[in-house]
Amino acid sequence: MNAPLTDRSRLSALLARLEAGLLERDTAVRLALLAALAGEHVLLIGPPGTAKSELARRLHRAFAGARYFERLLTRFSTPEELFGPLSLKALEHDRYERLVEGYLPTASIAFLDEVFKANSAILNALLTLLNEREFDNGSARARVPLISVVGATNEVPAEEALMAFHDRFLVRVPVAGVSDAAFAALLVLPAEASADTGVAEPITAEELRATLAARERVALPPALLAALAGLRAFAQSLSIAVSDRRWRQLVGLLRSAALTEGRASVEPLDLWLAPYVIAAQPAQVAPLAEWFVREVARAAPEDAPWLTRAVEAFEKQLEIERTLPAEGGEEAAGKLALARAIGGAEEGGMLRIVSTALEDALRRRWSPVHVAARLAQLDELAARASAPLADLREALAALQAALAGRLWLPPSLAAELLGNRRHTLAVLEALLARLAAARAGFAALPVDEALPQAEPEPIALGA
């Protein structure tokens, strides 16, 4: 009996071949291959010219001996275009059978473009084929070798009659044009971007069956079940209806991901793919993905607004105390103005010395108690603000370690998660540096021991 597919280097090579020359498609590529390994179908949602058909054509080469079928569906498409023409010989014997060779019933990977534009006769036949992997040919129902169907559409259908067919696609991936950041790379891509670079042994039918059987032994730990319960509650808050069947199919997909990464149990981080299963509309993917980043990965970027307000309050107070004139400094101010008027624009020699002395005389003096109170409040704030630093650095290192071995989690998402954690850390470190600069400024205020030793009112820091 063949062993399940757990060779990470081999799967990584397959993913590299699928992704070669496809810009910003790391999520779609991983979901398409993972769905196929789990025996599920994929719907790519997006405008024309976004490499949907190219991804499907490449996917079939990931499976040994897989036959490929592709059709663009319209409202005028006929069943013969998908399932084959009627057999004239069978009709002579009063049998209604199709010649299916070379058509969808004999394909392992199929791409159906504009899949929701087909008529009801085609859609009804497709329902059984996609869900049961069976095809009614005349009076006989035959098993088909179908691994996965990749459907494509410009938009999700709104008609109630199409909802059952829409539900047959477990994984639904919005696909957009490349971003501004990748636009230059798009323009210089070779005319024929090859997916045949490198060595990648395709997956056999035996390995696929063994993988599907072995995934049932992958454990679902309490942390994962708790995260799924949280996801269900969040989906309900967004009025997203998810059937019991779809939840179970999601678990199967999660188990396939864990098994092929060589793990004995599903982990909460595997839920990165849940938005593409739970969302019924493309617009729902973003809030579900944000839920994963915030609640599961704990990697939402934070700007510490309370600390920013506190730092700004200290900086403003320091500026005030630095620029307040000395009590009774009108005479010194007059002398400084007269010295500058006499000296003109260029000050030199004795005039500079006199000017500096007069400016110093104009500065307000503060009691040692005043300065000490300011420093004490700053030190208290700095201690409070720096308390999470060690935990943040440890969490960043832990996330880096957790993501390092991931095969399916897209590199773009890993970069986002780590970038968010680094952003939070950088914001805190920058604010602490500003606090340190403010402390140095208060410590450098001119002091007069003879002043009344009264503590100032603490600086109001807000909430």
Protein backbone atom coordinates (compact mmCIF):
# COMPACT_ATOMS: atom_id res chain seq x y z
CA MET A 1 0.00 0.00 0.00
CA ASN A 2 1.31 3.47 -0.89
CA ALA A 3 2.22 5.87 1.88
CA PRO A 4 0.41 9.21 2.18
CA LEU A 5 2.04 12.21 0.61
CA THR A 6 4.16 13.86 3.31
CA ASP A 7 7.31 14.72 1.33
CA ARG A 8 7.51 18.45 1.96
CA SER A 9 10.37 19.06 -0.47
CA ARG A 10 8.45 17.36 -3.26
CA LEU A 11 5.29 19.34 -2.57
CA SER A 12 7.34 22.52 -2.34
CA ALA A 13 8.81 21.79 -5.78
CA LEU A 14 5.31 21.22 -7.18
CA LEU A 15 4.15 24.54 -5.74
CA ALA A 16 7.17 26.30 -7.23
CA ARG A 17 6.32 24.92 -10.67
CA LEU A 18 2.68 25.95 -10.31
CA GLU A 19 3.62 29.46 -9.22
CA ALA A 20 6.46 30.15 -11.68
CA GLY A 21 5.74 33.39 -13.52
CA LEU A 22 2.36 33.92 -11.81
CA LEU A 23 2.70 37.16 -9.87
CA GLU A 24 0.91 37.51 -6.52
CA ARG A 25 -0.80 34.15 -6.90
CA ASP A 26 0.78 32.34 -3.93
CA THR A 27 -2.58 32.06 -2.15
CA ALA A 28 -4.53 30.81 -5.19
CA VAL A 29 -1.79 28.32 -6.11
CA ARG A 30 -1.63 26.79 -2.64
CA LEU A 31 -5.38 26.60 -2.24
CA ALA A 32 -5.82 24.98 -5.66
CA LEU A 33 -3.27 22.22 -5.02
CA LEU A 34 -4.38 21.64 -1.44
CA ALA A 35 -8.03 21.43 -2.51
CA ALA A 36 -7.11 18.86 -5.16
CA LEU A 37 -5.21 16.79 -2.59
CA ALA A 38 -8.34 16.92 -0.42
CA GLY A 39 -10.61 15.94 -3.31
CA GLU A 40 -12.37 19.31 -3.34
CA HIS A 41 -13.24 21.81 -6.05
CA VAL A 42 -12.02 25.41 -6.43
CA LEU A 43 -13.81 28.50 -7.69
CA LEU A 44 -11.65 31.40 -8.90
CA ILE A 45 -13.55 34.69 -8.83
CA GLY A 46 -12.20 37.62 -10.78
CA PRO A 47 -12.05 39.50 -14.08
CA PRO A 48 -10.65 38.03 -17.30
CA GLY A 49 -6.90 38.09 -17.81
CA THR A 50 -5.91 37.17 -14.26
CA ALA A 51 -4.33 33.75 -15.01
CA LYS A 52 -7.28 31.65 -13.82
CA SER A 53 -7.15 29.24 -16.76
CA GLU A 54 -3.35 29.08 -16.65
CA LEU A 55 -3.45 27.95 -13.04
CA ALA A 56 -5.90 25.15 -13.89
CA ARG A 57 -3.76 23.98 -16.83
CA ARG A 58 -0.72 23.81 -14.61
CA LEU A 59 -2.60 22.03 -11.83
CA HIS A 60 -3.30 18.95 -13.94
CA ARG A 61 0.45 18.46 -14.48
CA ALA A 62 0.89 18.03 -10.73
CA PHE A 63 -0.86 14.63 -10.97
CA ALA A 64 0.63 11.66 -12.78
CA GLY A 65 -1.43 10.51 -15.76
CA ALA A 66 -4.13 13.11 -15.09
CA ARG A 67 -6.28 13.94 -18.10
CA TYR A 68 -7.32 17.55 -18.55
CA PHE A 69 -10.58 19.01 -19.84
CA GLU A 70 -11.43 22.68 -20.43
CA ARG A 71 -14.54 24.48 -21.65
CA LEU A 72 -15.91 28.01 -21.76
CA LEU A 73 -19.59 27.79 -20.87
CA THR A 74 -22.32 30.04 -22.20
CA ARG A 75 -26.09 29.97 -22.00
CA PHE A 76 -26.00 28.29 -25.43
CA SER A 77 -23.65 25.48 -24.35
CA THR A 78 -25.05 21.98 -24.85
CA PRO A 79 -24.49 18.83 -22.78
CA GLU A 80 -22.63 17.33 -25.75
CA GLU A 81 -19.86 19.91 -25.35
CA LEU A 82 -19.10 18.68 -21.82
CA PHE A 83 -20.20 15.08 -21.67
CA GLY A 84 -19.71 13.89 -25.24
CA PRO A 85 -22.01 13.24 -28.24
CA LEU A 86 -24.73 10.62 -28.26
CA SER A 87 -23.66 7.18 -29.45
CA LEU A 88 -25.45 6.39 -32.69
CA LYS A 89 -24.65 2.72 -32.30
CA ALA A 90 -26.26 2.68 -28.85
CA LEU A 91 -29.34 4.44 -30.23
CA GLU A 92 -29.72 1.64 -32.74
CA HIS A 93 -30.20 -0.66 -29.76
CA ASP A 94 -32.55 1.76 -27.99
CA ARG A 95 -29.87 2.91 -25.53
CA TYR A 96 -29.31 6.58 -24.74
CA GLU A 97 -25.57 6.71 -24.15
CA ARG A 98 -22.81 9.21 -24.72
CA LEU A 99 -19.33 8.78 -26.12
CA VAL A 100 -17.52 10.24 -23.14
CA GLU A 101 -13.92 9.58 -24.20
CA GLY A 102 -12.00 12.86 -24.20
CA TYR A 103 -14.77 14.72 -22.40
CA LEU A 104 -15.39 15.74 -18.79
CA PRO A 105 -16.42 12.26 -17.50
CA THR A 106 -12.91 10.97 -18.33
CA ALA A 107 -10.96 13.96 -16.96
CA SER A 108 -9.04 14.14 -13.69
CA ILE A 109 -8.64 17.92 -13.63
CA ALA A 110 -11.13 20.17 -15.40
CA PHE A 111 -11.40 23.91 -15.93
CA LEU A 112 -14.89 25.34 -16.51
CA ASP A 113 -14.79 29.00 -17.40
CA GLU A 114 -17.85 31.18 -16.73
CA VAL A 115 -19.22 28.16 -14.96
CA PHE A 116 -22.49 29.73 -13.81
CA LYS A 117 -23.59 30.66 -17.31
CA ALA A 118 -24.46 27.08 -18.20
CA ASN A 119 -28.09 26.06 -18.53
CA SER A 120 -29.97 23.93 -16.01
CA ALA A 121 -29.51 20.69 -17.95
CA ILE A 122 -25.73 21.00 -17.72
CA LEU A 123 -25.72 22.22 -14.11
CA ASN A 124 -27.91 19.34 -12.92
CA ALA A 125 -25.57 16.80 -14.50
CA LEU A 126 -22.55 18.60 -13.05
CA LEU A 127 -23.98 18.48 -9.53
CA THR A 128 -23.80 14.69 -9.40
CA LEU A 129 -20.47 14.56 -11.15
CA LEU A 130 -18.82 17.07 -8.78
CA ASN A 131 -20.29 15.79 -5.56
CA GLU A 132 -20.57 12.03 -6.10
CA ARG A 133 -17.80 11.56 -8.71
CA GLU A 134 -20.34 9.67 -10.78
CA PHE A 135 -21.90 10.24 -14.20
CA ASP A 136 -25.23 8.92 -15.45
CA ASN A 137 -24.61 7.57 -18.93
CA GLY A 138 -27.84 6.11 -20.16
CA SER A 139 -29.18 3.60 -17.67
CA ALA A 140 -25.80 3.10 -15.98
CA ARG A 141 -24.09 5.29 -13.41
CA ALA A 142 -20.30 5.15 -13.80
CA ARG A 143 -17.51 6.31 -11.52
CA VAL A 144 -15.35 9.08 -12.93
CA PRO A 145 -11.63 9.72 -12.24
CA LEU A 146 -12.27 13.35 -11.33
CA ILE A 147 -9.82 14.81 -8.80
CA SER A 148 -10.86 18.45 -8.86
CA VAL A 149 -12.77 20.95 -10.95
CA VAL A 150 -11.48 24.50 -11.16
CA GLY A 151 -14.34 26.84 -11.94
CA ALA A 152 -13.99 30.46 -12.95
CA THR A 153 -16.44 33.33 -12.85
CA ASN A 154 -16.40 37.08 -13.02
CA GLU A 155 -18.90 37.33 -10.19
CA VAL A 156 -20.78 35.16 -7.74
CA PRO A 157 -24.32 34.33 -8.90
CA ALA A 158 -27.26 35.88 -7.12
CA GLU A 159 -29.92 33.48 -8.40
CA GLU A 160 -31.24 31.07 -5.81
CA ALA A 161 -31.31 28.29 -8.41
CA LEU A 162 -27.51 28.45 -8.71
CA MET A 163 -26.73 28.34 -4.98
CA ALA A 164 -26.59 24.53 -4.80
CA PHE A 165 -24.04 24.46 -7.60
CA HIS A 166 -22.09 27.33 -6.04
CA ASP A 167 -21.91 25.34 -2.80
CA ARG A 168 -20.15 22.45 -4.58
CA PHE A 169 -16.99 24.57 -4.72
CA LEU A 170 -15.49 24.26 -1.25
CA VAL A 171 -12.66 26.73 -1.84
CA ARG A 172 -13.59 30.09 -3.34
CA VAL A 173 -10.70 32.43 -4.11
CA PRO A 174 -11.00 36.05 -5.23
CA VAL A 175 -8.38 36.78 -7.91
CA ALA A 176 -7.52 40.35 -8.85
CA GLY A 177 -5.06 41.96 -11.20
CA VAL A 178 -1.53 42.53 -9.96
CA SER A 179 -0.92 45.37 -7.53
CA ASP A 180 1.01 48.54 -8.31
CA ALA A 181 4.01 47.04 -6.52
CA ALA A 182 4.14 44.12 -8.99
CA PHE A 183 3.19 46.07 -12.10
CA ALA A 184 6.76 46.59 -13.32
CA ALA A 185 7.53 42.88 -12.84
CA LEU A 186 4.41 42.03 -14.87
CA LEU A 187 5.60 44.13 -17.79
CA VAL A 188 8.98 42.41 -18.03
CA LEU A 189 7.71 38.83 -17.68
CA PRO A 190 8.69 36.57 -20.59
CA ALA A 191 5.97 36.16 -23.20
CA GLU A 192 5.73 32.46 -22.32
CA ALA A 193 6.19 32.08 -18.56
CA SER A 194 7.19 28.45 -18.07
CA ALA A 195 5.92 26.19 -15.34
CA ASP A 196 8.26 23.37 -16.34
CA THR A 197 11.33 24.57 -14.46
CA GLY A 198 12.92 22.30 -11.89
CA VAL A 199 12.25 18.70 -11.00
CA ALA A 200 8.94 17.86 -9.38
CA GLU A 201 7.63 14.31 -9.33
CA PRO A 202 3.87 14.35 -9.94
CA ILE A 203 1.43 12.81 -7.47
CA THR A 204 0.13 9.36 -8.28
CA ALA A 205 -3.46 8.19 -7.87
CA GLU A 206 -2.32 5.70 -5.22
CA GLU A 207 -0.65 8.44 -3.20
CA LEU A 208 -3.74 10.58 -3.46
CA ARG A 209 -5.95 7.77 -2.14
CA ALA A 210 -3.52 7.03 0.70
CA THR A 211 -3.42 10.71 1.66
CA LEU A 212 -7.21 10.97 1.78
CA ALA A 213 -7.42 7.85 3.94
CA ALA A 214 -4.62 8.87 6.33
CA ARG A 215 -5.94 12.34 7.01
CA GLU A 216 -8.77 10.94 9.12
CA ARG A 217 -6.16 10.08 11.76
CA VAL A 218 -5.03 13.70 12.10
CA ALA A 219 -6.10 15.00 15.52
CA LEU A 220 -8.22 18.07 16.24
CA PRO A 221 -6.85 19.47 19.53
CA PRO A 222 -8.98 21.57 21.93
CA ALA A 223 -7.26 24.80 20.88
CA LEU A 224 -8.29 24.19 17.26
CA LEU A 225 -11.88 23.35 18.21
CA ALA A 226 -12.08 26.52 20.33
CA ALA A 227 -10.79 28.59 17.42
CA LEU A 228 -13.37 27.03 15.09
CA ALA A 229 -16.12 27.87 17.59
CA GLY A 230 -14.87 31.46 17.64
CA LEU A 231 -14.85 31.53 13.84
CA ARG A 232 -18.42 30.24 13.73
CA ALA A 233 -19.58 32.95 16.13
CA PHE A 234 -17.78 35.62 14.10
CA ALA A 235 -19.29 34.34 10.84
CA GLN A 236 -22.74 34.49 12.42
CA SER A 237 -22.08 38.09 13.49
CA LEU A 238 -21.46 38.87 9.80
CA SER A 239 -24.67 37.04 8.83
CA ILE A 240 -22.68 34.41 6.91
CA ALA A 241 -24.62 31.15 6.82
CA VAL A 242 -22.37 28.07 6.79
CA SER A 243 -23.85 24.59 6.47
CA ASP A 244 -22.84 21.69 8.70
CA ARG A 245 -21.49 19.92 5.62
CA ARG A 246 -19.21 22.83 4.78
CA TRP A 247 -17.83 22.90 8.35
CA ARG A 248 -16.98 19.21 8.06
CA GLN A 249 -15.40 19.75 4.65
CA LEU A 250 -13.33 22.57 6.12
CA VAL A 251 -12.05 20.18 8.79
CA GLY A 252 -11.10 17.71 6.05
CA LEU A 253 -9.15 20.42 4.26
CA LEU A 254 -7.40 21.39 7.51
CA ARG A 255 -6.47 17.77 8.13
CA SER A 256 -5.08 17.45 4.61
CA ALA A 257 -2.93 20.54 5.19
CA ALA A 258 -1.58 19.21 8.50
CA LEU A 259 -0.93 15.70 7.18
CA THR A 260 0.98 16.84 4.11
CA GLU A 261 3.12 19.10 6.31
CA GLY A 262 4.02 16.04 8.37
CA ARG A 263 2.00 16.95 11.46
CA ALA A 264 -0.16 14.64 13.55
CA SER A 265 -2.66 17.35 14.51
CA VAL A 266 -4.24 20.47 13.08
CA GLU A 267 -3.03 23.76 14.54
CA PRO A 268 -4.95 27.05 14.85
CA LEU A 269 -2.57 28.68 12.34
CA ASP A 270 -4.00 26.32 9.70
CA LEU A 271 -7.16 28.43 9.87
CA TRP A 272 -5.57 30.94 7.49
CA LEU A 273 -7.46 29.08 4.75
CA ALA A 274 -10.86 29.21 6.49
CA PRO A 275 -11.95 32.57 4.97
CA TYR A 276 -11.79 31.01 1.50
CA VAL A 277 -14.16 28.26 2.62
CA ILE A 278 -16.50 30.24 4.88
CA ALA A 279 -17.02 33.36 2.76
CA ALA A 280 -20.01 33.18 0.45
CA GLN A 281 -19.07 36.44 -1.28
CA PRO A 282 -15.62 37.81 -2.17
CA ALA A 283 -16.21 40.88 0.02
CA GLN A 284 -16.52 38.61 3.07
CA VAL A 285 -13.00 37.22 2.72
CA ALA A 286 -11.30 40.37 4.05
CA PRO A 287 -13.11 40.60 7.43
CA LEU A 288 -12.69 36.85 7.97
CA ALA A 289 -8.97 37.13 7.17
CA GLU A 290 -8.69 40.04 9.61
CA TRP A 291 -10.32 37.84 12.25
CA PHE A 292 -7.62 35.23 11.69
CA VAL A 293 -4.83 37.81 11.96
CA ARG A 294 -6.32 39.34 15.08
CA GLU A 295 -7.74 36.37 17.00
CA VAL A 296 -5.66 33.39 15.90
CA ALA A 297 -2.26 34.70 14.83
CA ARG A 298 -2.45 37.54 17.40
CA ALA A 299 -0.59 39.65 14.88
CA ALA A 300 -2.79 42.68 14.29
CA PRO A 301 -0.63 45.82 14.04
CA GLU A 302 -0.89 48.08 17.08
CA ASP A 303 0.06 51.76 17.32
CA ALA A 304 -0.25 52.28 21.12
CA PRO A 305 -2.38 55.46 20.86
CA TRP A 306 -2.47 55.90 24.67
CA LEU A 307 1.33 55.97 24.80
CA THR A 308 1.52 58.32 21.81
CA ARG A 309 -0.76 60.78 23.61
CA ALA A 310 1.32 60.51 26.77
CA VAL A 311 4.60 61.10 24.92
CA GLU A 312 3.13 64.09 23.11
CA ALA A 313 1.91 65.53 26.41
CA PHE A 314 5.42 65.32 27.91
CA GLU A 315 7.01 66.77 24.78
CA LYS A 316 4.59 69.69 24.79
CA GLN A 317 5.18 70.36 28.48
CA LEU A 318 8.94 70.23 27.96
CA GLU A 319 8.70 72.79 25.18
CA ILE A 320 6.65 75.06 27.43
CA GLU A 321 9.07 74.81 30.34
CA ARG A 322 12.08 75.33 28.09
CA THR A 323 10.67 78.52 26.57
CA LEU A 324 9.07 80.19 29.61
CA PRO A 325 10.82 83.48 30.35
CA ALA A 326 12.47 84.04 33.70
CA GLU A 327 10.40 85.84 36.26
CA GLY A 328 11.22 89.55 36.04
CA GLY A 329 13.25 88.97 32.86
CA GLU A 330 12.02 92.06 31.05
CA GLU A 331 15.23 93.99 31.78
CA ALA A 332 17.45 91.17 30.49
CA ALA A 333 15.28 90.85 27.40
CA GLY A 334 15.70 94.54 26.67
CA LYS A 335 19.47 94.29 27.03
CA LEU A 336 19.55 91.29 24.67
CA ALA A 337 17.53 93.14 22.03
CA LEU A 338 19.80 96.22 22.35
CA ALA A 339 22.94 94.08 22.03
CA ARG A 340 21.63 92.44 18.88
CA ALA A 341 20.60 95.78 17.39
CA ILE A 342 24.05 97.20 17.98
CA GLY A 343 25.86 94.06 16.72
CA GLY A 344 23.79 93.65 13.54
CA ALA A 345 23.24 90.30 11.87
CA GLU A 346 26.72 88.93 12.47
CA GLU A 347 27.67 88.39 16.08
CA GLY A 348 31.27 87.80 17.07
CA GLY A 349 33.68 87.95 19.90
CA MET A 350 32.47 89.75 23.01
CA LEU A 351 29.02 90.37 21.57
CA ARG A 352 28.40 86.62 21.23
CA ILE A 353 29.46 86.05 24.83
CA VAL A 354 27.20 88.84 26.07
CA SER A 355 24.29 87.57 23.95
CA THR A 356 24.67 84.00 25.25
CA ALA A 357 24.80 85.20 28.84
CA LEU A 358 21.72 87.33 28.40
CA GLU A 359 19.79 84.45 26.74
CA ASP A 360 20.68 82.21 29.65
CA ALA A 361 19.49 84.87 32.04
CA LEU A 362 16.14 84.93 30.25
CA ARG A 363 15.48 81.22 30.85
CA ARG A 364 13.14 80.21 33.64
CA ARG A 365 14.76 78.35 36.55
CA TRP A 366 13.17 75.36 38.21
CA SER A 367 13.47 73.88 41.63
CA PRO A 368 15.17 70.47 42.02
CA VAL A 369 11.89 69.12 43.38
CA HIS A 370 10.07 70.22 40.22
CA VAL A 371 12.59 68.50 37.93
CA ALA A 372 12.65 65.38 40.10
CA ALA A 373 8.84 65.13 39.95
CA ARG A 374 8.86 65.37 36.18
CA LEU A 375 11.55 62.70 35.94
CA ALA A 376 9.71 60.41 38.35
CA GLN A 377 6.50 60.61 36.30
CA LEU A 378 8.46 59.93 33.12
CA ASP A 379 10.23 56.96 34.68
CA GLU A 380 6.92 55.51 35.83
CA LEU A 381 5.45 55.84 32.33
CA ALA A 382 8.58 54.38 30.70
CA ALA A 383 8.48 51.37 33.04
CA ARG A 384 4.82 50.77 32.21
CA ALA A 385 5.40 51.17 28.47
CA SER A 386 8.48 48.97 28.34
CA ALA A 387 6.88 46.11 30.31
CA PRO A 388 5.50 44.35 27.17
CA LEU A 389 8.78 44.63 25.24
CA ALA A 390 10.17 41.25 26.27
CA ASP A 391 6.85 39.52 25.57
CA LEU A 392 6.58 41.19 22.16
CA ARG A 393 10.07 40.11 21.16
CA GLU A 394 9.40 36.60 22.38
CA ALA A 395 6.09 36.47 20.51
CA LEU A 396 7.80 37.64 17.31
CA ALA A 397 10.45 34.93 17.63
CA ALA A 398 7.78 32.30 18.36
CA LEU A 399 5.75 33.34 15.30
CA GLN A 400 8.87 33.23 13.13
CA ALA A 401 9.55 29.70 14.33
CA ALA A 402 5.92 28.62 13.79
CA LEU A 403 5.84 30.01 10.24
CA ALA A 404 9.26 28.71 9.22
CA GLY A 405 7.99 25.18 8.59
CA ARG A 406 4.76 26.07 6.81
CA LEU A 407 4.21 24.65 3.35
CA TRP A 408 0.69 25.86 2.62
CA LEU A 409 0.47 29.21 4.41
CA PRO A 410 1.23 31.75 1.62
CA PRO A 411 4.57 33.61 1.91
CA SER A 412 2.71 36.89 1.40
CA LEU A 413 0.57 36.18 4.46
CA ALA A 414 3.59 35.09 6.51
CA ALA A 415 5.30 38.37 5.59
CA GLU A 416 2.18 40.31 6.62
CA LEU A 417 1.95 38.57 10.00
CA LEU A 418 5.63 39.09 10.81
CA GLY A 419 5.50 42.64 9.47
CA ASN A 420 2.57 43.44 11.76
CA ARG A 421 4.42 42.12 14.80
CA ARG A 422 7.55 44.06 13.83
CA HIS A 423 5.46 47.20 13.33
CA THR A 424 4.01 46.94 16.83
CA LEU A 425 7.49 46.43 18.29
CA ALA A 426 8.98 49.29 16.26
CA VAL A 427 6.20 51.68 17.32
CA LEU A 428 6.79 50.89 20.99
CA GLU A 429 10.56 51.22 20.69
CA ALA A 430 10.24 54.57 18.89
CA LEU A 431 7.88 55.93 21.55
CA LEU A 432 10.22 54.77 24.31
CA ALA A 433 13.08 56.55 22.53
CA ARG A 434 11.01 59.76 22.48
CA LEU A 435 10.30 59.31 26.18
CA ALA A 436 14.02 58.97 26.83
CA ALA A 437 14.68 62.17 24.85
CA ALA A 438 11.99 63.99 26.84
CA ARG A 439 13.53 62.77 30.08
CA ALA A 440 16.92 64.09 29.01
CA GLY A 441 15.29 67.42 28.20
CA PHE A 442 13.66 67.72 31.63
CA ALA A 443 16.91 66.66 33.32
CA ALA A 444 18.72 69.49 31.50
CA LEU A 445 16.34 72.25 32.68
CA PRO A 446 18.19 75.00 34.57
CA VAL A 447 17.87 74.53 38.33
CA ASP A 448 17.83 77.09 41.15
CA GLU A 449 18.25 75.64 44.65
CA ALA A 450 16.83 78.82 46.17
CA LEU A 451 13.40 78.39 44.55
CA PRO A 452 10.48 77.06 46.64
CA GLN A 453 10.67 73.28 46.77
CA ALA A 454 7.12 72.56 45.54
CA GLU A 455 6.11 69.62 43.37
CA PRO A 456 4.27 70.52 40.15
CA GLU A 457 0.93 69.08 39.18
CA PRO A 458 1.49 65.81 37.28
CA ILE A 459 1.16 66.11 33.52
CA ALA A 460 -2.29 64.96 32.41
CA LEU A 461 -1.75 61.97 30.13
CA GLY A 462 -5.33 61.18 29.17
CA ALA A 463 -6.79 57.68 28.85
